[in-house]
C-alpha cells in the first residue's frame, strides 16, 4: 500500500458490495483510471481509488450501505474535458445500461444517465458550448 496519493478537498466515497467487481467495471467499461486497490490482511479488496478526468472517487467495501438490488442511489459526474457525444457512444457500444438517453437539458447541459453494476444511477453531463 505504498505510493497512495490522496486528493485535496472533497473525496466522494461509494459503498459497494465488491471492490473488485466495481473497480473493474469502472475501469474497463466506464474508462476510469485506477490509482490503487487496498487489500485486507486476508487478501480481500477493501478500498480502491479511481480517477476520471481530474476528479477522484473512492470505493469502500460496505455491502450493508451499498444500494440493494432493485433500488438505487443517484449521483452526477460532470464532464469537463471528455467529449460527451463520444463517451456516450462508447458506453452504449460497451453495453452499459443507459436509463436516460443523451439529450439537451433546458438548463444548458447535455446529459445521460446509466445504472452501474451496483445499482447506482450515474448522470453524466456537460455544459453545451454556444
N, C-alpha and C. Protein backbone atom coordinates (compact mmCIF):
# COMPACT_ATOMS: atom_id res chain seq x y z
N UNK A 1 0.82 -1.18 0.00
CA UNK A 1 0.00 0.00 0.00
C UNK A 1 0.87 1.25 0.00
N UNK A 2 1.87 1.27 -0.81
CA UNK A 2 2.73 2.44 -0.88
C UNK A 2 2.33 3.32 -2.04
N UNK A 3 2.84 4.52 -2.04
CA UNK A 3 2.61 5.48 -3.12
C UNK A 3 1.14 5.85 -3.30
N UNK A 4 0.36 5.82 -2.24
CA UNK A 4 -1.03 6.24 -2.35
C UNK A 4 -1.08 7.76 -2.34
N UNK A 5 -1.77 8.31 -3.30
CA UNK A 5 -1.94 9.75 -3.40
C UNK A 5 -3.38 10.08 -3.08
N UNK A 6 -3.59 11.00 -2.16
CA UNK A 6 -4.94 11.42 -1.83
C UNK A 6 -5.14 12.85 -2.29
N UNK A 7 -6.26 13.13 -2.95
CA UNK A 7 -6.51 14.48 -3.46
C UNK A 7 -6.80 15.46 -2.33
N UNK A 8 -6.62 16.73 -2.64
CA UNK A 8 -7.02 17.77 -1.69
C UNK A 8 -8.51 18.02 -1.88
N UNK A 9 -9.16 18.47 -0.84
CA UNK A 9 -10.58 18.79 -0.94
C UNK A 9 -11.46 17.59 -0.65
N UNK A 10 -12.61 17.57 -1.27
CA UNK A 10 -13.62 16.55 -1.02
C UNK A 10 -13.31 15.29 -1.83
N UNK A 11 -13.45 14.14 -1.19
CA UNK A 11 -13.25 12.86 -1.85
C UNK A 11 -14.52 12.02 -1.66
N UNK A 12 -15.37 11.93 -2.70
CA UNK A 12 -16.57 11.10 -2.57
C UNK A 12 -16.20 9.63 -2.39
N UNK A 13 -16.92 8.95 -1.50
CA UNK A 13 -16.69 7.53 -1.23
C UNK A 13 -18.00 6.79 -1.47
N UNK A 14 -17.97 5.80 -2.36
CA UNK A 14 -19.16 4.99 -2.64
C UNK A 14 -19.05 3.65 -1.93
N UNK A 15 -20.03 3.29 -1.10
CA UNK A 15 -20.03 1.95 -0.53
C UNK A 15 -20.47 0.94 -1.58
N UNK A 16 -19.74 -0.16 -1.67
CA UNK A 16 -20.05 -1.19 -2.66
C UNK A 16 -19.94 -2.57 -2.02
N UNK A 17 -20.59 -3.54 -2.63
CA UNK A 17 -20.56 -4.91 -2.13
C UNK A 17 -19.31 -5.67 -2.57
N UNK A 18 -18.70 -5.25 -3.68
CA UNK A 18 -17.48 -5.90 -4.18
C UNK A 18 -16.57 -4.84 -4.79
N UNK A 19 -15.41 -4.64 -4.19
CA UNK A 19 -14.43 -3.69 -4.73
C UNK A 19 -13.95 -4.17 -6.09
N UNK A 20 -13.59 -5.44 -6.20
CA UNK A 20 -13.02 -5.93 -7.45
C UNK A 20 -14.00 -5.81 -8.61
N UNK A 21 -15.24 -6.25 -8.41
CA UNK A 21 -16.26 -6.16 -9.47
C UNK A 21 -16.48 -4.70 -9.86
N UNK A 22 -16.59 -3.82 -8.87
CA UNK A 22 -16.89 -2.42 -9.15
C UNK A 22 -15.72 -1.71 -9.80
N UNK A 23 -14.53 -1.87 -9.25
CA UNK A 23 -13.36 -1.20 -9.82
C UNK A 23 -13.12 -1.68 -11.24
N UNK A 24 -13.24 -2.97 -11.48
CA UNK A 24 -13.05 -3.50 -12.84
C UNK A 24 -14.08 -2.91 -13.79
N UNK A 25 -15.33 -2.80 -13.36
CA UNK A 25 -16.39 -2.21 -14.20
C UNK A 25 -16.09 -0.74 -14.51
N UNK A 26 -15.72 0.03 -13.50
CA UNK A 26 -15.45 1.45 -13.71
C UNK A 26 -14.23 1.66 -14.60
N UNK A 27 -13.21 0.81 -14.47
CA UNK A 27 -12.01 0.93 -15.29
C UNK A 27 -12.26 0.39 -16.70
N UNK A 28 -12.74 -0.83 -16.81
CA UNK A 28 -12.89 -1.48 -18.11
C UNK A 28 -14.04 -0.94 -18.94
N UNK A 29 -15.13 -0.55 -18.30
CA UNK A 29 -16.33 -0.13 -19.03
C UNK A 29 -16.51 1.38 -19.06
N UNK A 30 -16.34 2.04 -17.91
CA UNK A 30 -16.57 3.49 -17.83
C UNK A 30 -15.30 4.30 -18.06
N UNK A 31 -14.18 3.66 -18.29
CA UNK A 31 -12.87 4.26 -18.62
C UNK A 31 -12.26 5.13 -17.52
N UNK A 32 -12.57 4.82 -16.27
CA UNK A 32 -11.87 5.45 -15.15
C UNK A 32 -10.45 4.89 -15.11
N UNK A 33 -9.56 5.56 -14.42
CA UNK A 33 -8.20 5.08 -14.18
C UNK A 33 -8.11 4.63 -12.73
N UNK A 34 -7.46 3.51 -12.50
CA UNK A 34 -7.29 3.03 -11.12
C UNK A 34 -5.97 3.54 -10.55
N UNK A 35 -6.04 4.17 -9.39
CA UNK A 35 -4.84 4.65 -8.71
C UNK A 35 -4.27 3.58 -7.79
N UNK A 36 -5.14 2.93 -7.03
CA UNK A 36 -4.70 1.82 -6.18
C UNK A 36 -5.90 1.03 -5.69
N UNK A 37 -5.60 -0.18 -5.22
CA UNK A 37 -6.57 -1.07 -4.57
C UNK A 37 -5.92 -1.53 -3.27
N UNK A 38 -6.63 -1.41 -2.19
CA UNK A 38 -6.11 -1.82 -0.88
C UNK A 38 -6.75 -3.14 -0.46
N UNK A 39 -5.92 -4.04 0.05
CA UNK A 39 -6.42 -5.35 0.49
C UNK A 39 -6.29 -5.50 2.00
N UNK A 40 -7.19 -6.28 2.56
CA UNK A 40 -7.13 -6.62 3.99
C UNK A 40 -6.01 -7.65 4.19
N UNK A 41 -5.65 -7.93 5.45
CA UNK A 41 -4.65 -8.98 5.70
C UNK A 41 -5.06 -10.35 5.13
N UNK A 42 -6.37 -10.56 4.97
CA UNK A 42 -6.88 -11.82 4.40
C UNK A 42 -6.86 -11.82 2.88
N UNK A 43 -6.46 -10.70 2.26
CA UNK A 43 -6.38 -10.61 0.81
C UNK A 43 -7.64 -10.14 0.11
N UNK A 44 -8.62 -9.66 0.86
CA UNK A 44 -9.87 -9.16 0.29
C UNK A 44 -9.70 -7.68 -0.04
N UNK A 45 -10.08 -7.27 -1.23
CA UNK A 45 -10.02 -5.86 -1.60
C UNK A 45 -11.04 -5.08 -0.76
N UNK A 46 -10.58 -4.03 -0.06
CA UNK A 46 -11.46 -3.27 0.82
C UNK A 46 -11.64 -1.82 0.40
N UNK A 47 -10.73 -1.29 -0.41
CA UNK A 47 -10.82 0.08 -0.92
C UNK A 47 -10.19 0.14 -2.29
N UNK A 48 -10.65 1.07 -3.09
CA UNK A 48 -9.99 1.37 -4.37
C UNK A 48 -10.17 2.86 -4.63
N UNK A 49 -9.14 3.45 -5.21
CA UNK A 49 -9.22 4.86 -5.58
C UNK A 49 -9.13 4.95 -7.10
N UNK A 50 -10.09 5.66 -7.70
CA UNK A 50 -10.19 5.80 -9.14
C UNK A 50 -10.20 7.27 -9.51
N UNK A 51 -9.79 7.58 -10.74
CA UNK A 51 -9.90 8.96 -11.23
C UNK A 51 -10.59 8.96 -12.58
N UNK A 52 -11.25 10.08 -12.84
CA UNK A 52 -11.87 10.35 -14.13
C UNK A 52 -11.63 11.82 -14.41
N UNK A 53 -10.98 12.11 -15.53
CA UNK A 53 -10.51 13.46 -15.80
C UNK A 53 -9.67 13.90 -14.61
N UNK A 54 -9.99 14.98 -13.95
CA UNK A 54 -9.19 15.46 -12.82
C UNK A 54 -9.82 15.13 -11.47
N UNK A 55 -10.85 14.31 -11.46
CA UNK A 55 -11.59 14.03 -10.22
C UNK A 55 -11.30 12.62 -9.71
N UNK A 56 -11.40 12.48 -8.40
CA UNK A 56 -11.09 11.21 -7.75
C UNK A 56 -12.33 10.68 -7.04
N UNK A 57 -12.48 9.37 -7.08
CA UNK A 57 -13.59 8.67 -6.45
C UNK A 57 -13.01 7.49 -5.67
N UNK A 58 -13.51 7.29 -4.47
CA UNK A 58 -13.06 6.18 -3.63
C UNK A 58 -14.19 5.16 -3.53
N UNK A 59 -13.84 3.89 -3.65
CA UNK A 59 -14.79 2.80 -3.42
C UNK A 59 -14.44 2.16 -2.09
N UNK A 60 -15.46 1.86 -1.29
CA UNK A 60 -15.26 1.27 0.02
C UNK A 60 -16.13 0.03 0.16
N UNK A 61 -15.52 -1.07 0.60
CA UNK A 61 -16.26 -2.31 0.78
C UNK A 61 -17.21 -2.17 1.97
N UNK A 62 -18.50 -2.10 1.67
CA UNK A 62 -19.52 -1.95 2.70
C UNK A 62 -20.86 -2.38 2.10
N UNK A 63 -21.08 -3.68 2.06
CA UNK A 63 -22.28 -4.22 1.43
C UNK A 63 -23.57 -3.74 2.09
N UNK A 64 -23.52 -3.47 3.38
CA UNK A 64 -24.73 -3.02 4.09
C UNK A 64 -25.19 -1.64 3.63
N UNK A 65 -24.26 -0.77 3.26
CA UNK A 65 -24.62 0.58 2.84
C UNK A 65 -24.73 0.73 1.33
N UNK A 66 -24.33 -0.28 0.58
CA UNK A 66 -24.42 -0.23 -0.88
C UNK A 66 -25.88 -0.34 -1.31
N UNK A 67 -26.23 0.21 -2.48
CA UNK A 67 -27.61 0.07 -2.97
C UNK A 67 -27.97 -1.40 -3.11
N UNK A 68 -29.19 -1.72 -2.79
CA UNK A 68 -29.66 -3.10 -2.87
C UNK A 68 -30.27 -3.35 -4.24
N UNK A 69 -30.40 -4.61 -4.60
CA UNK A 69 -31.00 -4.99 -5.88
C UNK A 69 -32.37 -4.34 -6.02
N UNK A 70 -32.60 -3.72 -7.16
CA UNK A 70 -33.87 -3.07 -7.42
C UNK A 70 -33.93 -1.63 -6.94
N UNK A 71 -33.07 -1.28 -6.01
CA UNK A 71 -33.01 0.10 -5.50
C UNK A 71 -31.99 0.90 -6.28
N UNK A 72 -31.57 1.98 -5.72
CA UNK A 72 -30.55 2.76 -6.39
C UNK A 72 -30.31 4.08 -5.72
N UNK A 73 -29.12 4.59 -5.93
CA UNK A 73 -28.71 5.90 -5.43
C UNK A 73 -28.24 6.69 -6.64
N UNK A 74 -28.54 7.97 -6.67
CA UNK A 74 -28.29 8.82 -7.82
C UNK A 74 -27.16 9.79 -7.53
N UNK A 75 -26.19 9.93 -8.45
CA UNK A 75 -25.19 10.98 -8.33
C UNK A 75 -24.77 11.44 -9.72
N UNK A 76 -24.11 12.60 -9.78
CA UNK A 76 -23.72 13.23 -11.04
C UNK A 76 -22.22 13.18 -11.23
N UNK A 77 -21.79 13.06 -12.48
CA UNK A 77 -20.40 13.25 -12.87
C UNK A 77 -20.42 14.27 -13.99
N UNK A 78 -19.80 15.41 -13.76
CA UNK A 78 -19.75 16.46 -14.78
C UNK A 78 -18.48 16.28 -15.60
N UNK A 79 -18.64 16.21 -16.91
CA UNK A 79 -17.51 16.05 -17.83
C UNK A 79 -17.03 17.43 -18.27
N UNK A 80 -15.76 17.70 -18.05
CA UNK A 80 -15.19 18.97 -18.47
C UNK A 80 -14.33 18.82 -19.71
N UNK A 81 -13.61 17.72 -19.82
CA UNK A 81 -12.68 17.54 -20.93
C UNK A 81 -13.15 16.50 -21.93
N UNK A 82 -13.81 15.48 -21.47
CA UNK A 82 -14.24 14.38 -22.32
C UNK A 82 -15.42 14.82 -23.18
N UNK A 83 -15.38 14.49 -24.46
CA UNK A 83 -16.50 14.79 -25.36
C UNK A 83 -17.66 13.87 -25.00
N UNK A 84 -18.75 14.44 -24.52
CA UNK A 84 -19.88 13.64 -24.04
C UNK A 84 -20.51 12.80 -25.15
N UNK A 85 -20.50 13.30 -26.39
CA UNK A 85 -21.07 12.54 -27.51
C UNK A 85 -20.28 11.24 -27.73
N UNK A 86 -18.97 11.37 -27.78
CA UNK A 86 -18.10 10.22 -28.00
C UNK A 86 -18.18 9.26 -26.81
N UNK A 87 -18.14 9.81 -25.61
CA UNK A 87 -18.20 8.99 -24.40
C UNK A 87 -19.51 8.19 -24.35
N UNK A 88 -20.62 8.86 -24.63
CA UNK A 88 -21.93 8.20 -24.64
C UNK A 88 -21.95 7.05 -25.66
N UNK A 89 -21.49 7.31 -26.88
CA UNK A 89 -21.48 6.28 -27.92
C UNK A 89 -20.62 5.09 -27.51
N UNK A 90 -19.48 5.36 -26.87
CA UNK A 90 -18.60 4.28 -26.42
C UNK A 90 -19.26 3.44 -25.33
N UNK A 91 -19.97 4.09 -24.40
CA UNK A 91 -20.64 3.34 -23.34
C UNK A 91 -21.78 2.50 -23.90
N UNK A 92 -22.54 3.05 -24.84
CA UNK A 92 -23.63 2.29 -25.48
C UNK A 92 -23.04 1.07 -26.19
N UNK A 93 -21.94 1.27 -26.92
CA UNK A 93 -21.29 0.17 -27.63
C UNK A 93 -20.77 -0.90 -26.67
N UNK A 94 -20.40 -0.49 -25.46
CA UNK A 94 -19.90 -1.43 -24.45
C UNK A 94 -21.03 -2.14 -23.71
N UNK A 95 -22.29 -1.80 -24.03
CA UNK A 95 -23.43 -2.47 -23.43
C UNK A 95 -23.84 -1.94 -22.07
N UNK A 96 -23.44 -0.72 -21.74
CA UNK A 96 -23.81 -0.11 -20.46
C UNK A 96 -25.33 0.07 -20.41
N UNK A 97 -25.91 -0.09 -19.23
CA UNK A 97 -27.35 0.06 -19.02
C UNK A 97 -27.70 1.55 -18.99
N UNK A 98 -28.09 2.10 -20.14
CA UNK A 98 -28.48 3.51 -20.24
C UNK A 98 -29.96 3.61 -19.87
N UNK A 99 -30.27 4.42 -18.85
CA UNK A 99 -31.66 4.55 -18.42
C UNK A 99 -32.28 5.87 -18.87
N UNK A 100 -31.47 6.81 -19.29
CA UNK A 100 -31.95 8.08 -19.84
C UNK A 100 -30.96 8.50 -20.92
N UNK A 101 -31.41 8.51 -22.17
CA UNK A 101 -30.53 8.75 -23.31
C UNK A 101 -29.97 10.17 -23.32
N UNK A 102 -28.89 10.35 -24.05
CA UNK A 102 -28.23 11.64 -24.19
C UNK A 102 -29.18 12.65 -24.83
N UNK A 103 -29.34 13.78 -24.16
CA UNK A 103 -30.23 14.82 -24.68
C UNK A 103 -29.87 16.18 -24.09
N UNK A 104 -30.32 17.22 -24.77
CA UNK A 104 -30.14 18.59 -24.27
C UNK A 104 -31.13 18.85 -23.15
N UNK A 105 -30.65 19.51 -22.10
CA UNK A 105 -31.50 19.89 -20.97
C UNK A 105 -31.78 21.39 -21.03
N UNK A 106 -32.90 21.82 -20.50
CA UNK A 106 -33.29 23.23 -20.58
C UNK A 106 -32.32 24.14 -19.84
N UNK A 107 -31.55 23.62 -18.89
CA UNK A 107 -30.63 24.45 -18.11
C UNK A 107 -29.27 24.64 -18.78
N UNK A 108 -29.12 24.07 -19.99
CA UNK A 108 -27.90 24.32 -20.76
C UNK A 108 -26.87 23.20 -20.74
N UNK A 109 -27.26 22.01 -20.33
CA UNK A 109 -26.36 20.86 -20.34
C UNK A 109 -26.87 19.82 -21.32
N UNK A 110 -25.95 18.93 -21.74
CA UNK A 110 -26.32 17.68 -22.40
C UNK A 110 -26.03 16.61 -21.36
N UNK A 111 -26.94 15.67 -21.20
CA UNK A 111 -26.73 14.66 -20.16
C UNK A 111 -27.36 13.33 -20.54
N UNK A 112 -26.90 12.30 -19.85
CA UNK A 112 -27.50 10.98 -19.92
C UNK A 112 -27.28 10.30 -18.58
N UNK A 113 -28.06 9.25 -18.33
CA UNK A 113 -27.99 8.54 -17.06
C UNK A 113 -27.81 7.05 -17.33
N UNK A 114 -26.91 6.44 -16.56
CA UNK A 114 -26.71 4.99 -16.63
C UNK A 114 -27.01 4.38 -15.26
N UNK A 115 -27.18 3.08 -15.25
CA UNK A 115 -27.26 2.33 -13.99
C UNK A 115 -26.06 1.40 -13.98
N UNK A 116 -25.21 1.54 -12.95
CA UNK A 116 -23.97 0.76 -12.92
C UNK A 116 -24.18 -0.63 -12.32
N UNK A 117 -23.09 -1.34 -12.14
CA UNK A 117 -23.14 -2.72 -11.65
C UNK A 117 -23.55 -2.83 -10.18
N UNK A 118 -23.67 -1.70 -9.47
CA UNK A 118 -24.08 -1.69 -8.06
C UNK A 118 -25.45 -1.05 -7.86
N UNK A 119 -26.16 -0.77 -8.93
CA UNK A 119 -27.45 -0.09 -8.89
C UNK A 119 -27.33 1.40 -8.59
N UNK A 120 -26.14 1.98 -8.76
CA UNK A 120 -26.02 3.43 -8.70
C UNK A 120 -26.49 4.00 -10.03
N UNK A 121 -27.30 5.05 -9.96
CA UNK A 121 -27.66 5.80 -11.15
C UNK A 121 -26.65 6.93 -11.29
N UNK A 122 -25.94 6.97 -12.40
CA UNK A 122 -24.90 7.98 -12.60
C UNK A 122 -25.30 8.85 -13.77
N UNK A 123 -25.46 10.14 -13.50
CA UNK A 123 -25.77 11.11 -14.56
C UNK A 123 -24.47 11.74 -15.01
N UNK A 124 -24.18 11.62 -16.29
CA UNK A 124 -23.03 12.29 -16.88
C UNK A 124 -23.56 13.52 -17.60
N UNK A 125 -22.96 14.66 -17.36
CA UNK A 125 -23.44 15.86 -18.05
C UNK A 125 -22.29 16.76 -18.43
N UNK A 126 -22.56 17.63 -19.41
CA UNK A 126 -21.56 18.57 -19.91
C UNK A 126 -22.28 19.83 -20.36
N UNK A 127 -21.68 20.97 -20.07
CA UNK A 127 -22.25 22.25 -20.50
C UNK A 127 -22.23 22.31 -22.02
N UNK A 128 -23.34 22.74 -22.60
CA UNK A 128 -23.42 22.92 -24.05
C UNK A 128 -22.68 24.20 -24.40
N UNK A 129 -21.68 24.06 -25.25
CA UNK A 129 -20.91 25.24 -25.69
C UNK A 129 -21.68 25.97 -26.77
N UNK A 130 -21.84 27.27 -26.59
CA UNK A 130 -22.59 28.07 -27.58
C UNK A 130 -21.66 28.98 -28.33
